[in-house]
N, C-alpha and C. Protein backbone atom coordinates (compact mmCIF):
# COMPACT_ATOMS: atom_id res chain seq x y z
N MET A 1 7.38 9.06 -11.03
CA MET A 1 5.93 9.08 -11.02
C MET A 1 5.45 10.02 -9.91
N PRO A 2 4.46 10.86 -10.20
CA PRO A 2 4.01 11.84 -9.20
C PRO A 2 3.19 11.25 -8.05
N ILE A 3 2.77 9.98 -8.16
CA ILE A 3 2.04 9.34 -7.07
C ILE A 3 3.03 8.58 -6.20
N ILE A 4 3.08 8.92 -4.93
CA ILE A 4 3.97 8.27 -3.97
C ILE A 4 3.16 7.30 -3.13
N ILE A 5 3.67 6.08 -2.97
CA ILE A 5 3.01 5.05 -2.16
C ILE A 5 3.69 5.03 -0.79
N ASN A 6 2.92 5.29 0.25
CA ASN A 6 3.45 5.31 1.63
C ASN A 6 3.08 4.05 2.40
N LEU A 7 3.01 2.93 1.70
CA LEU A 7 2.63 1.68 2.34
C LEU A 7 3.63 1.28 3.42
N ASP A 8 4.91 1.46 3.15
CA ASP A 8 5.92 1.08 4.15
C ASP A 8 5.80 1.91 5.42
N VAL A 9 5.39 3.17 5.29
CA VAL A 9 5.21 4.04 6.46
C VAL A 9 4.07 3.53 7.33
N MET A 10 2.94 3.20 6.68
CA MET A 10 1.79 2.71 7.45
C MET A 10 2.07 1.35 8.06
N MET A 11 2.79 0.50 7.34
CA MET A 11 3.13 -0.81 7.89
C MET A 11 4.03 -0.65 9.12
N ALA A 12 4.97 0.27 9.07
CA ALA A 12 5.85 0.52 10.22
C ALA A 12 5.05 1.04 11.41
N LYS A 13 4.11 1.95 11.15
CA LYS A 13 3.29 2.49 12.24
C LYS A 13 2.46 1.40 12.91
N ARG A 14 2.02 0.43 12.12
CA ARG A 14 1.20 -0.67 12.64
C ARG A 14 2.04 -1.87 13.06
N LYS A 15 3.37 -1.75 12.90
CA LYS A 15 4.30 -2.84 13.24
C LYS A 15 3.89 -4.14 12.55
N MET A 16 3.65 -4.04 11.24
CA MET A 16 3.21 -5.19 10.46
C MET A 16 4.21 -5.48 9.36
N SER A 17 4.52 -6.75 9.19
CA SER A 17 5.47 -7.16 8.15
C SER A 17 4.75 -7.30 6.81
N LEU A 18 5.54 -7.34 5.74
CA LEU A 18 4.99 -7.53 4.41
C LEU A 18 4.29 -8.88 4.31
N ASN A 19 4.88 -9.90 4.92
CA ASN A 19 4.27 -11.23 4.91
C ASN A 19 2.91 -11.23 5.60
N GLU A 20 2.84 -10.60 6.76
CA GLU A 20 1.60 -10.54 7.53
C GLU A 20 0.52 -9.79 6.76
N LEU A 21 0.88 -8.65 6.17
CA LEU A 21 -0.08 -7.86 5.41
C LEU A 21 -0.55 -8.65 4.18
N SER A 22 0.36 -9.33 3.52
CA SER A 22 0.02 -10.14 2.36
C SER A 22 -1.02 -11.19 2.70
N GLU A 23 -0.82 -11.88 3.82
CA GLU A 23 -1.77 -12.91 4.26
C GLU A 23 -3.13 -12.32 4.59
N LYS A 24 -3.14 -11.21 5.32
CA LYS A 24 -4.39 -10.61 5.76
C LYS A 24 -5.18 -9.96 4.62
N VAL A 25 -4.47 -9.41 3.64
CA VAL A 25 -5.14 -8.75 2.51
C VAL A 25 -5.54 -9.77 1.46
N GLY A 26 -4.76 -10.84 1.34
CA GLY A 26 -5.08 -11.88 0.38
C GLY A 26 -4.50 -11.62 -1.00
N ILE A 27 -3.36 -10.94 -1.07
CA ILE A 27 -2.65 -10.78 -2.33
C ILE A 27 -1.25 -11.34 -2.17
N THR A 28 -0.64 -11.68 -3.29
CA THR A 28 0.67 -12.31 -3.23
C THR A 28 1.72 -11.35 -2.69
N LEU A 29 2.73 -11.93 -2.11
CA LEU A 29 3.84 -11.15 -1.57
C LEU A 29 4.52 -10.35 -2.68
N SER A 30 4.66 -10.94 -3.85
CA SER A 30 5.32 -10.23 -4.95
C SER A 30 4.49 -9.03 -5.42
N ASN A 31 3.17 -9.17 -5.51
CA ASN A 31 2.33 -8.04 -5.92
C ASN A 31 2.34 -6.94 -4.87
N LEU A 32 2.34 -7.32 -3.61
CA LEU A 32 2.39 -6.33 -2.54
C LEU A 32 3.73 -5.61 -2.54
N SER A 33 4.78 -6.34 -2.83
CA SER A 33 6.12 -5.74 -2.90
C SER A 33 6.21 -4.75 -4.06
N ILE A 34 5.61 -5.08 -5.20
CA ILE A 34 5.58 -4.17 -6.35
C ILE A 34 4.85 -2.89 -5.98
N LEU A 35 3.76 -3.03 -5.27
CA LEU A 35 2.99 -1.85 -4.83
C LEU A 35 3.81 -1.02 -3.85
N LYS A 36 4.44 -1.68 -2.89
CA LYS A 36 5.21 -1.00 -1.84
C LYS A 36 6.38 -0.20 -2.42
N THR A 37 7.01 -0.73 -3.45
CA THR A 37 8.16 -0.05 -4.03
C THR A 37 7.77 1.02 -5.05
N GLY A 38 6.47 1.16 -5.30
CA GLY A 38 6.01 2.19 -6.23
C GLY A 38 6.13 1.81 -7.68
N LYS A 39 6.35 0.53 -7.97
CA LYS A 39 6.50 0.08 -9.35
C LYS A 39 5.17 -0.34 -9.98
N ALA A 40 4.11 -0.36 -9.20
CA ALA A 40 2.79 -0.75 -9.72
C ALA A 40 2.25 0.35 -10.62
N LYS A 41 1.59 -0.05 -11.69
CA LYS A 41 0.97 0.90 -12.61
C LYS A 41 -0.47 1.21 -12.21
N ALA A 42 -1.08 0.32 -11.42
CA ALA A 42 -2.48 0.50 -11.02
C ALA A 42 -2.74 -0.29 -9.75
N ILE A 43 -3.84 0.03 -9.10
CA ILE A 43 -4.30 -0.73 -7.93
C ILE A 43 -5.82 -0.80 -8.00
N ARG A 44 -6.36 -1.96 -7.74
CA ARG A 44 -7.81 -2.13 -7.72
C ARG A 44 -8.36 -1.47 -6.45
N PHE A 45 -9.54 -0.89 -6.59
CA PHE A 45 -10.16 -0.29 -5.41
C PHE A 45 -10.43 -1.34 -4.34
N SER A 46 -10.75 -2.56 -4.73
CA SER A 46 -10.99 -3.62 -3.75
C SER A 46 -9.72 -3.95 -2.97
N THR A 47 -8.57 -3.91 -3.64
CA THR A 47 -7.29 -4.15 -2.97
C THR A 47 -6.97 -2.99 -2.03
N LEU A 48 -7.17 -1.78 -2.51
CA LEU A 48 -6.93 -0.60 -1.68
C LEU A 48 -7.83 -0.63 -0.45
N GLU A 49 -9.09 -1.01 -0.64
CA GLU A 49 -10.03 -1.12 0.48
C GLU A 49 -9.55 -2.15 1.50
N SER A 50 -9.11 -3.30 1.03
CA SER A 50 -8.62 -4.35 1.94
C SER A 50 -7.40 -3.90 2.72
N ILE A 51 -6.46 -3.24 2.04
CA ILE A 51 -5.26 -2.74 2.71
C ILE A 51 -5.65 -1.72 3.78
N CYS A 52 -6.57 -0.82 3.44
CA CYS A 52 -7.02 0.19 4.41
C CYS A 52 -7.70 -0.45 5.61
N GLU A 53 -8.49 -1.50 5.36
CA GLU A 53 -9.16 -2.20 6.48
C GLU A 53 -8.14 -2.84 7.41
N VAL A 54 -7.17 -3.53 6.83
CA VAL A 54 -6.17 -4.24 7.62
C VAL A 54 -5.28 -3.26 8.39
N LEU A 55 -4.87 -2.18 7.74
CA LEU A 55 -3.98 -1.20 8.38
C LEU A 55 -4.74 -0.13 9.15
N ASP A 56 -6.07 -0.17 9.11
CA ASP A 56 -6.92 0.80 9.80
C ASP A 56 -6.50 2.23 9.43
N CYS A 57 -6.56 2.51 8.12
CA CYS A 57 -6.15 3.82 7.63
C CYS A 57 -7.05 4.26 6.48
N GLN A 58 -6.82 5.44 5.97
CA GLN A 58 -7.55 5.99 4.84
C GLN A 58 -6.68 5.89 3.59
N PRO A 59 -7.30 5.86 2.39
CA PRO A 59 -6.49 5.83 1.17
C PRO A 59 -5.47 6.96 1.08
N GLY A 60 -5.82 8.12 1.60
CA GLY A 60 -4.90 9.26 1.60
C GLY A 60 -3.69 9.06 2.49
N ASP A 61 -3.77 8.10 3.42
CA ASP A 61 -2.61 7.77 4.24
C ASP A 61 -1.59 6.96 3.43
N LEU A 62 -2.06 6.29 2.38
CA LEU A 62 -1.21 5.42 1.58
C LEU A 62 -0.74 6.07 0.29
N LEU A 63 -1.55 6.96 -0.27
CA LEU A 63 -1.25 7.57 -1.56
C LEU A 63 -1.03 9.06 -1.41
N GLU A 64 -0.01 9.56 -2.08
CA GLU A 64 0.34 10.98 -2.00
C GLU A 64 0.70 11.46 -3.40
N PHE A 65 0.28 12.67 -3.76
CA PHE A 65 0.57 13.23 -5.07
C PHE A 65 1.62 14.31 -4.95
N HIS A 66 2.67 14.20 -5.76
CA HIS A 66 3.72 15.23 -5.82
C HIS A 66 3.78 15.74 -7.24
N ASN A 67 3.51 17.01 -7.42
CA ASN A 67 3.56 17.63 -8.73
C ASN A 67 5.01 17.82 -9.15
N LYS A 68 5.29 17.56 -10.41
CA LYS A 68 6.66 17.69 -10.94
C LYS A 68 6.93 19.12 -11.38
N GLU A 69 7.10 20.00 -10.47
CA GLU A 69 7.41 21.40 -10.81
C GLU A 69 8.76 21.79 -10.26
């Protein structure tokens, strides 16, 4: 998939565990894990907003596009 999820990078920079982020964002650990591993097919803007608030980052810090050329 050409969209790369850098959630693990931002979590490491903020020294935050998956469990802690899950609690603060209010989504299940399994859904957050699916997102972190890049297996998610979609993300709600409200979820993206919550993650950005908790990690104090921009959506572009979490999402990256790589063209398949």
